Structure formats: structure tokens, C-alpha cells
């Protein structure tokens, strides 16, 4: 993996905003970058961004800015779109109720021209636990490949899990999970994915019962975690990976906490704004001369409430949720790195054991077996030495074969992880651009619409005399 893709992005690259040349330098107010301050609390003023508050003063130009500024930024199309041979669509959530539980299933439709599939189009229904099973099996089978994350089972606590809003967000997350699997050059050919996409309900349930139990998974997890902490001679490129993913996860955590605060404050503001509109409506009933103006204010506030509600929902679905998904992605990367470390630690232990056995073999060549246990039992000292030597030689052969096998496994694991991380960096950059551009466009549209509504309200309160040629505003 190229070094620049693994190096944490610096947050000190932002340019200083334009400031008025007539203002003294000491009038600039410094703000600490929240992505830095979230985990680098000991940094001094050199690690702070300098922003000029005076740069935010409105100019004489119009405030309205078209969202076409954002529309000009087009994301790159996938280069492999034309060669893709597996397409998966998740849709049509359906509620099922039994005597013991209620649950949701999603329709999973597959279109492909691969020969192993019975037809070009297939359709099955799967519930969330089935997706979870698929991911666990992929992690067990491809322990050094980066398996995409799934959303937490109850990730949207503010919504009922059977509500249309919850199902819409859950459907999108499951769609993204399967799309990433279909795009993966290795995981897309896995037999468990094939069964997931093709098997009938009873066949799928029977297949799910096969495989390792939970005790085995917990044991492997503890082993991998211990190996990660004990690792001493991790290769430099994987040290960079560890440091990058740790920093990236911390930055995402800070952004997630800030976005949740913004959503909470926006929701509280929406509640207050919603209670404000009826005040103007009631006031209008007792003020005949102000009635038209008061009704215009009430109508405008109600419309602005709708725009704000849409903005909050959009921010939650298209910004906060993708951030949470990438936080889960960082945990997936950490898990793969821990499993790779466990493989390297196992290899290093064999190498160390092999070195000890070779040293022991050299010691036996010059050792005196006269006082050994075998000699006391009546055996010839030379026969005792030869027996020990032969035993050590066999152990050396076995350890050498095991070392070669573990070395080959480690080399393949390193190559798989590097390839997946390079692919992940490309997808991450594309996804982050899309998230940020969509957020910017939503904010522009929200403020443009609210501004338009307030301007219309001003015209309703102070109507213009369109027949006045001199441009003078005539109040009603």
C-alpha cells in the first residue's frame, strides 16, 4: 500500500479565511480544530486553526447561492461498472408475526451471468439475523480480508424497529453491505454468499446450523486480542495501518458526537419553532389591522418548520448514519489487523522454537551422556546421545515444515490485507466526498428555501407598488 494512503490526513491544511486589511492581527479569534482537540488535548496554540470572525460579515452581494455550485462536483464512476457480473438489490421489507416473535424480512434479488447460478435472476427473503450469520461466516473463512460491517441491530433508538423510517434506513444499510460484497473480487465468490442468495428458506436454515460454535469464535477472538497486545516486531507498513485506523476512528468519533449534538439542538429548536407559529395565529384573532401580517408570519414559520424537519431527517439518514457505519468499519479493520498479528505471532513463536532446537542439537554433539537417565538405566551413553539427536532432527524437520507453512500463510495474509486496505481507501475517499458534498448541498438548499420564504413574507407584509416607476415602496 502506498505510504500516502496510510498516513493520517492532517487537519492543519485548511486555509485561513480572508480578513479585512484594516483590522489588526490581534482581533483574530482562534478556534481549536475539534477533530484534533478530541484526542490531542496537550497540543499548544501551534495546533490551532486561526479564523477571522470579520470574514463572515455579509457583503453587498446577494445572499442566495445556487446549489448548482455543488452540482458541478461529479463523483467518479466506478471503472469496473461495465465488467461487473453480480448485482444484488435489497427491498420490500415485510413484517412476520409468530407465536414467539415478530420480525422483518427483506427481499434479496440477484441478477448475474455467472455459470454457478441456476438462473440469471433469483429472489429470496432474508431477515437481519441471516445477514449477521453471513458476515460471521465470511470473517471465519477469510480472516485477513476486510468484511464490510453491518449496522447494529437496534442502531436507531429514536425509532420503532417496525416503523417505515427505521426500515428505510435499515434497508439502505443492508443494501450497501451486499453491494460491497458483490464488488469484492474474493468475497463475491464465497459459497456461503452463494447459499445466502440462492437457497430456499428450509435449505438455508439447515445450512446455517453447520459451522463452528460460539465457544470457538470467542476463543479465537480472545487469542487474536492477546496477540495484538503482545506483538513486538510488527512490520512498519502495518504499524502505519494501526496508527492510521486508530486516528481515523477517533476523528470519526468526535464528528459523530458533534453531529449528534447538532441534531439534538436542531430538534429542540424545531420544537420551539413549532410552538411559535400558533402564537401568531391566536394573536391575529384579536388584531384586525395586523391580521394579514400575523397570518403571513404564522404561515411562514410553519413552512420553515417543515424545511427544518426535512433537514434533520436528512442529516440523520445521510450524514450521521454513514459516519456510524464507518466507525464500525474501523472496528472491522482493527479486527483484521489483530488476526494478522496473531498469525505473525504464531510464526515468530515457531521460528524461536526452531532456533532453540538447533541450539540444543549443537549442545548434544559435545555433551556427555554418561550421567544421563538413560545411562543409569543401563543404556550405552553413545546410544542415548544418538537417540536424542535423531529425536531432535525429526523435531527440526517438523518445525521447519510448520515454519514454511506459517510463513506462506502470513505472506498471503499480508497481501490480502494490503489489497483490501487499498480498495478500502479508494471507497472511503469516494464515500466521504459524497457524504460531505450532499451535506453541503442540503444546507444550501435549506437556507435558500427558508430565505425565499422569509423574503415572500416581507413582501406580503410590505407589498410593493408595481406601478411605481420611480421604484418607491408604497406601504398598504
Protein backbone atom coordinates (compact mmCIF):
# COMPACT_ATOMS: atom_id res chain seq x y z
CA UNK A 1 0.00 0.00 0.00
CA UNK A 2 1.32 3.40 -0.87
CA UNK A 3 2.56 5.36 2.07
CA UNK A 4 0.42 8.35 1.38
CA UNK A 5 -2.77 6.29 1.65
CA UNK A 6 -1.86 5.08 5.11
CA UNK A 7 -0.65 8.34 6.57
CA UNK A 8 -3.29 10.11 8.68
CA UNK A 9 -4.68 13.13 6.93
CA UNK A 10 -3.58 16.35 8.59
CA UNK A 11 -6.31 18.68 9.73
CA UNK A 12 -3.96 21.68 9.61
CA UNK A 13 -4.22 22.10 5.83
CA UNK A 14 -7.22 24.41 5.92
CA UNK A 15 -6.51 27.84 4.52
CA UNK A 16 -7.05 30.93 6.65
CA UNK A 17 -10.20 32.85 5.74
CA UNK A 18 -9.82 36.25 4.09
CA UNK A 19 -9.78 39.08 6.64
CA UNK A 20 -10.15 42.80 6.25
CA UNK A 21 -6.74 44.51 5.75
CA UNK A 22 -7.80 47.33 8.05
CA UNK A 23 -8.16 45.05 11.09
CA UNK A 24 -5.30 44.43 13.49
CA UNK A 25 -3.88 40.93 13.74
CA UNK A 26 -4.81 40.66 17.41
CA UNK A 27 -8.51 40.88 16.52
CA UNK A 28 -8.41 37.39 15.01
CA UNK A 29 -10.04 34.80 17.23
CA UNK A 30 -8.52 31.32 17.27
CA UNK A 31 -10.61 28.18 17.39
CA UNK A 32 -9.29 24.71 18.15
CA UNK A 33 -9.95 22.13 15.49
CA UNK A 34 -12.49 19.74 17.12
CA UNK A 35 -11.01 16.76 15.28
CA UNK A 36 -7.68 17.47 16.95
CA UNK A 37 -8.94 18.58 20.33
CA UNK A 38 -10.98 15.42 20.62
CA UNK A 39 -7.87 13.36 21.30
CA UNK A 40 -4.87 15.71 21.34
CA UNK A 41 -5.56 17.73 24.46
CA UNK A 42 -1.94 18.63 25.14
CA UNK A 43 -1.32 20.45 21.88
CA UNK A 44 -0.40 24.13 22.09
CA UNK A 45 -1.59 27.10 20.06
CA UNK A 46 0.51 26.00 17.10
CA UNK A 47 -2.00 23.20 16.58
CA UNK A 48 -4.97 25.57 16.32
CA UNK A 49 -6.70 26.97 13.31
CA UNK A 50 -6.78 30.77 13.06
CA UNK A 51 -10.10 32.07 11.79
CA UNK A 52 -11.05 35.69 11.21
CA UNK A 53 -14.53 36.36 12.55
CA UNK A 54 -14.78 39.54 10.47
CA UNK A 55 -14.65 37.45 7.30
CA UNK A 56 -18.19 36.26 7.98
CA UNK A 57 -19.70 39.76 7.59
CA UNK A 58 -22.19 39.88 4.73
CA UNK A 59 -21.08 41.63 1.57
CA UNK A 60 -23.26 43.74 -0.72
CA UNK A 61 -23.74 40.77 -2.99
CA UNK A 62 -26.87 38.67 -2.87
CA UNK A 63 -27.02 36.06 -0.13
CA UNK A 64 -28.75 33.44 -2.25
CA UNK A 65 -26.35 30.93 -3.76
CA UNK A 66 -27.45 28.28 -6.19
CA UNK A 67 -26.89 24.66 -5.31
CA UNK A 68 -25.50 24.23 -8.80
CA UNK A 69 -22.15 25.11 -7.24
CA UNK A 70 -22.25 21.73 -5.59
CA UNK A 71 -23.81 20.02 -8.60
CA UNK A 72 -20.67 20.79 -10.59
CA UNK A 73 -18.73 18.36 -8.42
CA UNK A 74 -19.32 14.99 -10.04
CA UNK A 75 -18.08 11.85 -8.36
CA UNK A 76 -16.01 9.46 -10.42
CA UNK A 77 -17.83 6.45 -11.83
CA UNK A 78 -16.56 3.01 -10.93
CA UNK A 79 -14.07 1.81 -13.50
CA UNK A 80 -15.31 -1.77 -13.15
CA UNK A 81 -19.00 -0.96 -13.69
CA UNK A 82 -19.05 -2.43 -17.20
CA UNK A 83 -17.36 -5.69 -16.15
CA UNK A 84 -19.46 -6.29 -13.04
CA UNK A 85 -21.33 -9.58 -13.23
CA UNK A 86 -23.21 -9.71 -9.90
CA UNK A 87 -25.95 -7.26 -8.95
CA UNK A 88 -27.90 -7.51 -5.68
CA UNK A 89 -30.92 -5.45 -4.64
CA UNK A 90 -32.45 -5.34 -1.15
CA UNK A 91 -36.05 -4.07 -0.95
CA UNK A 92 -39.64 -4.83 0.04
CA UNK A 93 -39.47 -5.15 3.87
CA UNK A 94 -42.24 -7.37 5.20
CA UNK A 95 -43.35 -7.95 8.79
CA UNK A 96 -43.88 -11.50 10.06
CA UNK A 97 -45.59 -12.41 13.32
CA UNK A 98 -45.35 -15.79 15.04
CA UNK A 99 -46.36 -17.02 18.47
CA UNK A 100 -42.93 -16.19 19.90
CA UNK A 101 -41.72 -13.15 18.00
CA UNK A 102 -42.27 -10.54 15.34
CA UNK A 103 -39.59 -9.82 12.79
CA UNK A 104 -38.90 -8.23 9.42
CA UNK A 105 -37.66 -9.91 6.27
CA UNK A 106 -36.24 -8.20 3.19
CA UNK A 107 -36.41 -9.37 -0.38
CA UNK A 108 -32.94 -10.03 -1.82
CA UNK A 109 -32.93 -10.06 -5.63
CA UNK A 110 -29.88 -11.20 -7.58
CA UNK A 111 -29.05 -10.65 -11.24
CA UNK A 112 -25.96 -12.35 -12.63
CA UNK A 113 -24.49 -14.16 -15.61
CA UNK A 114 -22.19 -16.40 -13.54
CA UNK A 115 -22.39 -20.05 -14.53
CA UNK A 116 -22.66 -21.41 -10.97
CA UNK A 117 -26.07 -19.77 -10.53
CA UNK A 118 -29.12 -21.71 -11.76
CA UNK A 119 -30.65 -18.66 -13.41
CA UNK A 120 -29.95 -15.07 -14.36
CA UNK A 121 -32.43 -13.71 -11.81
CA UNK A 122 -33.15 -15.06 -8.33
CA UNK A 123 -35.16 -13.82 -5.36
CA UNK A 124 -35.18 -14.88 -1.70
CA UNK A 125 -36.29 -13.35 1.59
CA UNK A 126 -33.84 -12.88 4.46
CA UNK A 127 -34.05 -11.35 7.93
CA UNK A 128 -31.38 -9.37 9.77
CA UNK A 129 -30.05 -12.44 11.63
CA UNK A 130 -29.38 -14.09 8.27
CA UNK A 131 -27.23 -11.14 7.22
CA UNK A 132 -25.42 -11.39 10.56
CA UNK A 133 -24.77 -15.10 10.02
CA UNK A 134 -23.35 -14.40 6.55
CA UNK A 135 -20.92 -11.83 7.89
CA UNK A 136 -19.73 -14.12 10.70
CA UNK A 137 -19.09 -16.96 8.27
CA UNK A 138 -17.18 -14.66 5.92
CA UNK A 139 -14.99 -13.46 8.80
CA UNK A 140 -14.27 -17.04 9.84
CA UNK A 141 -13.44 -18.13 6.28
CA UNK A 142 -11.46 -15.05 5.19
CA UNK A 143 -9.91 -13.89 8.43
CA UNK A 144 -7.48 -11.45 6.76
CA UNK A 145 -9.93 -9.99 4.26
CA UNK A 146 -11.86 -6.87 5.18
CA UNK A 147 -15.52 -7.89 5.50
CA UNK A 148 -17.91 -4.88 5.38
CA UNK A 149 -19.76 -4.09 8.63
CA UNK A 150 -23.44 -4.48 9.34
CA UNK A 151 -25.49 -1.86 11.21
CA UNK A 152 -26.14 -2.59 14.88
CA UNK A 153 -29.38 -4.50 15.44
CA UNK A 154 -31.01 -1.56 17.25
CA UNK A 155 -28.90 1.34 15.97
CA UNK A 156 -31.80 3.82 15.69
CA UNK A 157 -33.06 4.05 19.24
CA UNK A 158 -35.25 7.05 18.44
CA UNK A 159 -37.32 4.95 16.04
CA UNK A 160 -39.52 1.90 16.44
CA UNK A 161 -37.90 -1.04 14.64
CA UNK A 162 -41.09 -1.64 12.67
CA UNK A 163 -41.56 2.00 11.63
CA UNK A 164 -41.19 2.93 7.94
CA UNK A 165 -38.32 5.32 8.74
CA UNK A 166 -36.34 2.61 10.56
CA UNK A 167 -36.96 0.06 7.81
CA UNK A 168 -35.88 2.54 5.13
CA UNK A 169 -32.56 3.21 6.88
CA UNK A 170 -32.04 -0.49 7.65
CA UNK A 171 -32.79 -1.44 4.04
CA UNK A 172 -30.20 1.05 2.78
CA UNK A 173 -27.54 -0.29 5.16
CA UNK A 174 -28.18 -3.91 4.16
CA UNK A 175 -28.10 -2.89 0.50
CA UNK A 176 -24.72 -1.25 0.96
CA UNK A 177 -23.41 -4.36 2.77
CA UNK A 178 -24.36 -6.74 -0.06
CA UNK A 179 -23.20 -4.33 -2.77
CA UNK A 180 -19.75 -4.20 -1.19
CA UNK A 181 -19.64 -7.99 -1.02
CA UNK A 182 -20.69 -8.25 -4.68
CA UNK A 183 -17.91 -5.82 -5.66
CA UNK A 184 -15.21 -7.73 -3.75
CA UNK A 185 -13.02 -9.91 -6.02
CA UNK A 186 -12.82 -12.72 -3.42
CA UNK A 187 -15.82 -12.49 -1.11
CA UNK A 188 -18.28 -12.34 -4.01
CA UNK A 189 -17.35 -15.93 -4.94
CA UNK A 190 -17.79 -17.36 -1.43
CA UNK A 191 -20.02 -20.44 -1.11
CA UNK A 192 -21.83 -19.00 1.93
CA UNK A 193 -22.81 -15.91 -0.05
CA UNK A 194 -23.98 -18.21 -2.84
CA UNK A 195 -26.20 -20.12 -0.40
CA UNK A 196 -27.45 -16.85 1.09
CA UNK A 197 -28.52 -15.60 -2.35
CA UNK A 198 -29.99 -18.82 -3.73
CA UNK A 199 -31.15 -21.27 -1.03
CA UNK A 200 -34.79 -21.72 -0.17
CA UNK A 201 -35.87 -20.99 3.39
CA UNK A 202 -35.65 -24.55 4.73
CA UNK A 203 -32.37 -25.24 2.90
CA UNK A 204 -30.87 -22.05 4.24
CA UNK A 205 -31.86 -22.83 7.84
CA UNK A 206 -30.25 -26.26 7.55
CA UNK A 207 -27.06 -24.75 6.16
CA UNK A 208 -26.91 -22.20 8.97
CA UNK A 209 -26.69 -24.98 11.58
CA UNK A 210 -23.35 -26.07 10.14
CA UNK A 211 -20.09 -24.42 11.15
CA UNK A 212 -18.19 -23.51 14.28
CA UNK A 213 -19.93 -22.75 17.54
CA UNK A 214 -19.89 -19.60 19.61
CA UNK A 215 -17.26 -21.02 22.01
CA UNK A 216 -14.79 -21.41 19.16
CA UNK A 217 -15.43 -17.85 17.97
CA UNK A 218 -14.95 -16.42 21.46
CA UNK A 219 -11.70 -18.37 21.92
CA UNK A 220 -10.34 -17.12 18.60
CA UNK A 221 -11.35 -13.56 19.48
CA UNK A 222 -9.51 -13.68 22.80
CA UNK A 223 -6.46 -15.22 21.14
CA UNK A 224 -6.37 -12.51 18.45
CA UNK A 225 -6.79 -9.73 21.01
CA UNK A 226 -3.94 -11.07 23.13
CA UNK A 227 -1.69 -11.42 20.09
CA UNK A 228 -2.27 -7.80 19.12
CA UNK A 229 -1.14 -6.57 22.54
CA UNK A 230 1.89 -8.90 22.65
CA UNK A 231 3.13 -8.10 19.15
CA UNK A 232 6.63 -6.57 19.31
CA UNK A 233 8.11 -6.70 15.80
CA UNK A 234 5.14 -5.69 13.65
CA UNK A 235 6.26 -4.68 10.10
CA UNK A 236 6.43 -0.89 9.54
CA UNK A 237 3.60 -0.83 6.97
CA UNK A 238 1.23 -2.45 9.45
CA UNK A 239 2.38 -0.12 12.21
CA UNK A 240 1.27 2.71 9.92
CA UNK A 241 -2.05 0.96 9.35
CA UNK A 242 -2.63 0.60 13.10
CA UNK A 243 -1.83 4.24 13.76
CA UNK A 244 -3.92 5.49 10.84
CA UNK A 245 -7.03 3.48 11.65
CA UNK A 246 -6.79 4.46 15.32
CA UNK A 247 -6.56 8.16 14.44
CA UNK A 248 -9.26 7.89 11.78
CA UNK A 249 -11.62 6.19 14.23
CA UNK A 250 -11.02 8.86 16.87
CA UNK A 251 -11.76 11.64 14.37
CA UNK A 252 -14.96 9.93 13.27
CA UNK A 253 -15.95 9.51 16.92
CA UNK A 254 -15.56 13.24 17.53
CA UNK A 255 -17.53 14.08 14.36
CA UNK A 256 -20.27 11.65 15.40
CA UNK A 257 -20.60 13.22 18.86
CA UNK A 258 -20.73 16.73 17.36
CA UNK A 259 -23.33 15.71 14.77
CA UNK A 260 -25.48 14.14 17.48
CA UNK A 261 -25.29 17.39 19.49
CA UNK A 262 -26.28 19.38 16.41
CA UNK A 263 -29.21 17.05 15.77
CA UNK A 264 -30.34 17.31 19.37
CA UNK A 265 -30.15 21.11 19.37
CA UNK A 266 -31.90 21.29 15.97
CA UNK A 267 -34.68 19.07 17.26
CA UNK A 268 -35.11 21.27 20.32
CA UNK A 269 -35.17 24.34 18.08
CA UNK A 270 -37.80 22.68 15.89
CA UNK A 271 -39.95 22.03 18.95
CA UNK A 272 -39.77 25.68 19.99
CA UNK A 273 -40.41 26.88 16.46
CA UNK A 274 -43.44 24.62 16.13
CA UNK A 275 -44.94 26.19 19.27
CA UNK A 276 -44.25 29.69 17.93
CA UNK A 277 -46.50 29.58 14.84
CA UNK A 278 -49.81 29.18 16.74
CA UNK A 279 -48.95 32.28 18.80
CA UNK A 280 -49.19 34.46 15.70
CA UNK A 281 -52.40 32.68 14.67
CA UNK A 282 -54.06 33.38 18.02
CA UNK A 283 -52.77 36.94 18.05
CA UNK A 284 -54.34 37.56 14.63
CA UNK A 285 -57.80 36.85 16.04
CA UNK A 286 -57.60 39.94 18.25
CA UNK A 287 -55.75 42.35 15.89
CA UNK A 288 -57.79 43.16 12.80
CA UNK A 289 -55.33 45.68 11.37
CA UNK A 290 -52.38 43.32 11.89
CA UNK A 291 -54.24 40.17 10.95
CA UNK A 292 -52.77 39.81 7.45
CA UNK A 293 -49.22 40.34 8.70
CA UNK A 294 -49.63 37.96 11.63
CA UNK A 295 -51.14 35.26 9.45
CA UNK A 296 -48.25 35.66 6.99
CA UNK A 297 -45.77 35.16 9.87
CA UNK A 298 -47.62 32.08 11.12
CA UNK A 299 -47.72 30.50 7.66
CA UNK A 300 -44.03 31.20 7.04
CA UNK A 301 -42.95 29.70 10.36
CA UNK A 302 -44.96 26.54 9.66
CA UNK A 303 -43.29 26.19 6.26
CA UNK A 304 -39.85 26.76 7.79
CA UNK A 305 -40.65 24.05 10.35
CA UNK A 306 -41.28 21.59 7.53
CA UNK A 307 -37.97 22.50 5.90
CA UNK A 308 -36.13 22.11 9.21
CA UNK A 309 -37.78 18.73 9.85
CA UNK A 310 -36.64 17.52 6.42
CA UNK A 311 -33.15 18.85 7.14
CA UNK A 312 -32.95 16.97 10.46
CA UNK A 313 -34.16 13.72 8.92
CA UNK A 314 -31.76 14.06 6.01
CA UNK A 315 -28.82 14.80 8.31
CA UNK A 316 -29.65 11.75 10.43
CA UNK A 317 -30.04 9.39 7.46
CA UNK A 318 -27.37 10.68 5.05
CA UNK A 319 -24.70 12.05 7.40
CA UNK A 320 -24.94 10.64 10.93
CA UNK A 321 -25.69 7.06 9.87
CA UNK A 322 -22.86 6.85 7.28
CA UNK A 323 -20.48 8.18 9.95
CA UNK A 324 -21.59 5.42 12.32
CA UNK A 325 -21.10 2.89 9.55
CA UNK A 326 -17.51 3.99 9.02
CA UNK A 327 -16.90 3.85 12.77
CA UNK A 328 -17.97 0.19 12.54
CA UNK A 329 -15.70 -0.14 9.50
CA UNK A 330 -12.71 0.99 11.56
CA UNK A 331 -13.53 -1.72 14.12
CA UNK A 332 -13.60 -4.26 11.28
CA UNK A 333 -10.17 -3.11 10.13
CA UNK A 334 -8.84 -3.38 13.68
CA UNK A 335 -10.20 -6.92 13.88
CA UNK A 336 -8.42 -7.92 10.66
CA UNK A 337 -5.17 -6.37 11.92
CA UNK A 338 -5.49 -8.32 15.18
CA UNK A 339 -5.95 -11.58 13.27
CA UNK A 340 -2.93 -10.79 11.11
CA UNK A 341 -0.90 -10.09 14.27
CA UNK A 342 -1.99 -13.46 15.69
CA UNK A 343 -0.66 -15.18 12.57
CA UNK A 344 2.65 -13.35 12.80
CA UNK A 345 2.98 -14.12 16.50
CA UNK A 346 2.38 -17.81 15.81
CA UNK A 347 5.04 -17.73 13.09
CA UNK A 348 7.50 -15.90 15.34
CA UNK A 349 6.98 -18.47 18.11
CA UNK A 350 7.79 -21.32 15.70
CA UNK A 351 10.90 -19.51 14.50
CA UNK A 352 12.01 -19.01 18.09
CA UNK A 353 11.32 -22.66 18.95
CA UNK A 354 13.26 -23.77 15.87
CA UNK A 355 16.25 -21.68 16.92
CA UNK A 356 16.17 -23.27 20.40
CA UNK A 357 16.08 -26.79 18.94
CA UNK A 358 19.05 -26.04 16.68
CA UNK A 359 20.99 -24.74 19.65
CA UNK A 360 20.05 -27.85 21.62
CA UNK A 361 21.29 -30.03 18.75
CA UNK A 362 24.68 -28.33 18.85
CA UNK A 363 24.89 -28.86 22.60
CA UNK A 364 24.13 -32.59 22.26
CA UNK A 365 27.07 -33.03 19.87
CA UNK A 366 29.53 -32.10 22.65
CA UNK A 367 27.54 -33.35 25.63
CA UNK A 368 28.48 -36.29 27.86
CA UNK A 369 25.58 -38.68 28.37
CA UNK A 370 27.37 -40.81 30.97
CA UNK A 371 25.26 -39.43 33.77
CA UNK A 372 22.01 -39.18 31.83
CA UNK A 373 18.86 -41.02 32.90
CA UNK A 374 19.24 -43.48 30.01
CA UNK A 375 22.79 -44.33 31.08
CA UNK A 376 21.64 -45.01 34.67
CA UNK A 377 19.06 -47.40 33.25
CA UNK A 378 21.83 -49.41 31.61
CA UNK A 379 21.88 -47.93 28.11
CA UNK A 380 25.08 -47.08 26.32
CA UNK A 381 25.81 -43.29 26.58
CA UNK A 382 26.51 -43.13 22.84
CA UNK A 383 23.17 -44.78 22.07
CA UNK A 384 21.44 -42.28 24.36
CA UNK A 385 23.13 -39.40 22.51
CA UNK A 386 22.18 -40.84 19.13
CA UNK A 387 18.57 -41.30 20.21
CA UNK A 388 18.33 -37.69 21.39
CA UNK A 389 19.98 -36.48 18.19
CA UNK A 390 17.52 -38.39 15.98
CA UNK A 391 14.58 -37.10 18.00
CA UNK A 392 15.82 -33.53 17.65
CA UNK A 393 16.37 -33.99 13.92
CA UNK A 394 12.77 -35.12 13.50
CA UNK A 395 11.55 -32.18 15.59
CA UNK A 396 13.63 -29.83 13.43
CA UNK A 397 12.09 -31.26 10.26
CA UNK A 398 8.57 -30.86 11.66
CA UNK A 399 9.24 -27.35 12.91
CA UNK A 400 10.81 -26.35 9.57
CA UNK A 401 7.77 -27.60 7.66
CA UNK A 402 5.46 -25.82 10.08
CA UNK A 403 7.51 -22.63 9.78
CA UNK A 404 7.33 -22.75 5.98
CA UNK A 405 3.57 -23.32 6.12
CA UNK A 406 3.03 -20.45 8.57
CA UNK A 407 5.32 -18.20 6.54
CA UNK A 408 3.32 -18.88 3.38
CA UNK A 409 0.08 -18.21 5.25
CA UNK A 410 1.45 -14.95 6.65
CA UNK A 411 2.66 -13.77 3.23
CA UNK A 412 -0.77 -14.44 1.72
CA UNK A 413 -2.50 -12.75 4.67
CA UNK A 414 -0.31 -9.66 4.31
CA UNK A 415 -1.01 -9.45 0.58
CA UNK A 416 -4.77 -9.89 1.10
CA UNK A 417 -4.89 -7.21 3.79
CA UNK A 418 -2.83 -4.73 1.78
CA UNK A 419 -5.04 -5.19 -1.29
CA UNK A 420 -8.23 -4.81 0.74
CA UNK A 421 -6.92 -1.71 2.51
CA UNK A 422 -6.01 -0.06 -0.79
CA UNK A 423 -9.52 -0.81 -2.06
CA UNK A 424 -10.99 0.46 1.22
CA UNK A 425 -9.08 3.75 0.99
CA UNK A 426 -10.43 4.35 -2.52
CA UNK A 427 -14.00 3.61 -1.46
CA UNK A 428 -13.60 5.67 1.72
CA UNK A 429 -12.44 8.74 -0.19
CA UNK A 430 -15.35 8.42 -2.62
CA UNK A 431 -17.89 7.87 0.17
CA UNK A 432 -16.59 10.75 2.30
CA UNK A 433 -16.71 13.13 -0.67
CA UNK A 434 -20.28 12.09 -1.36
CA UNK A 435 -21.28 12.47 2.31
CA UNK A 436 -19.76 15.95 2.64
CA UNK A 437 -20.99 17.22 -0.74
CA UNK A 438 -24.52 16.02 -0.02
CA UNK A 439 -24.43 17.69 3.39
CA UNK A 440 -23.23 20.96 1.86
CA UNK A 441 -25.93 20.84 -0.81
CA UNK A 442 -28.65 20.09 1.75
CA UNK A 443 -27.60 23.07 3.86
CA UNK A 444 -27.53 25.37 0.84
CA UNK A 445 -31.00 24.22 -0.23
CA UNK A 446 -32.38 24.55 3.30
CA UNK A 447 -31.17 28.12 3.78
CA UNK A 448 -32.14 29.13 0.23
CA UNK A 449 -35.70 27.87 0.76
CA UNK A 450 -36.00 29.49 4.18
CA UNK A 451 -34.60 32.74 2.80
CA UNK A 452 -37.10 32.66 -0.07
CA UNK A 453 -39.97 32.11 2.34
CA UNK A 454 -38.91 34.99 4.58
CA UNK A 455 -38.50 37.28 1.56
CA UNK A 456 -42.03 36.36 0.45
CA UNK A 457 -43.27 37.13 3.96
CA UNK A 458 -41.61 40.54 3.84
CA UNK A 459 -43.33 41.28 0.52
CA UNK A 460 -46.67 40.15 1.98
CA UNK A 461 -46.26 42.46 4.95
CA UNK A 462 -44.94 45.39 2.88
CA UNK A 463 -46.36 44.88 -0.65
CA UNK A 464 -44.63 46.76 -3.42
CA UNK A 465 -46.47 49.11 -5.75
CA UNK A 466 -45.65 47.52 -9.10
CA UNK A 467 -46.97 50.57 -10.97
CA UNK A 468 -44.48 52.94 -9.35
CA UNK A 469 -41.92 53.80 -12.00
CA UNK A 470 -39.59 55.57 -9.59
CA UNK A 471 -39.07 52.41 -7.54
CA UNK A 472 -40.55 53.80 -4.31
CA UNK A 473 -42.12 51.22 -2.00
CA UNK A 474 -45.68 52.12 -1.04
CA UNK A 475 -46.96 50.56 2.17
CA UNK A 476 -50.52 49.31 2.27
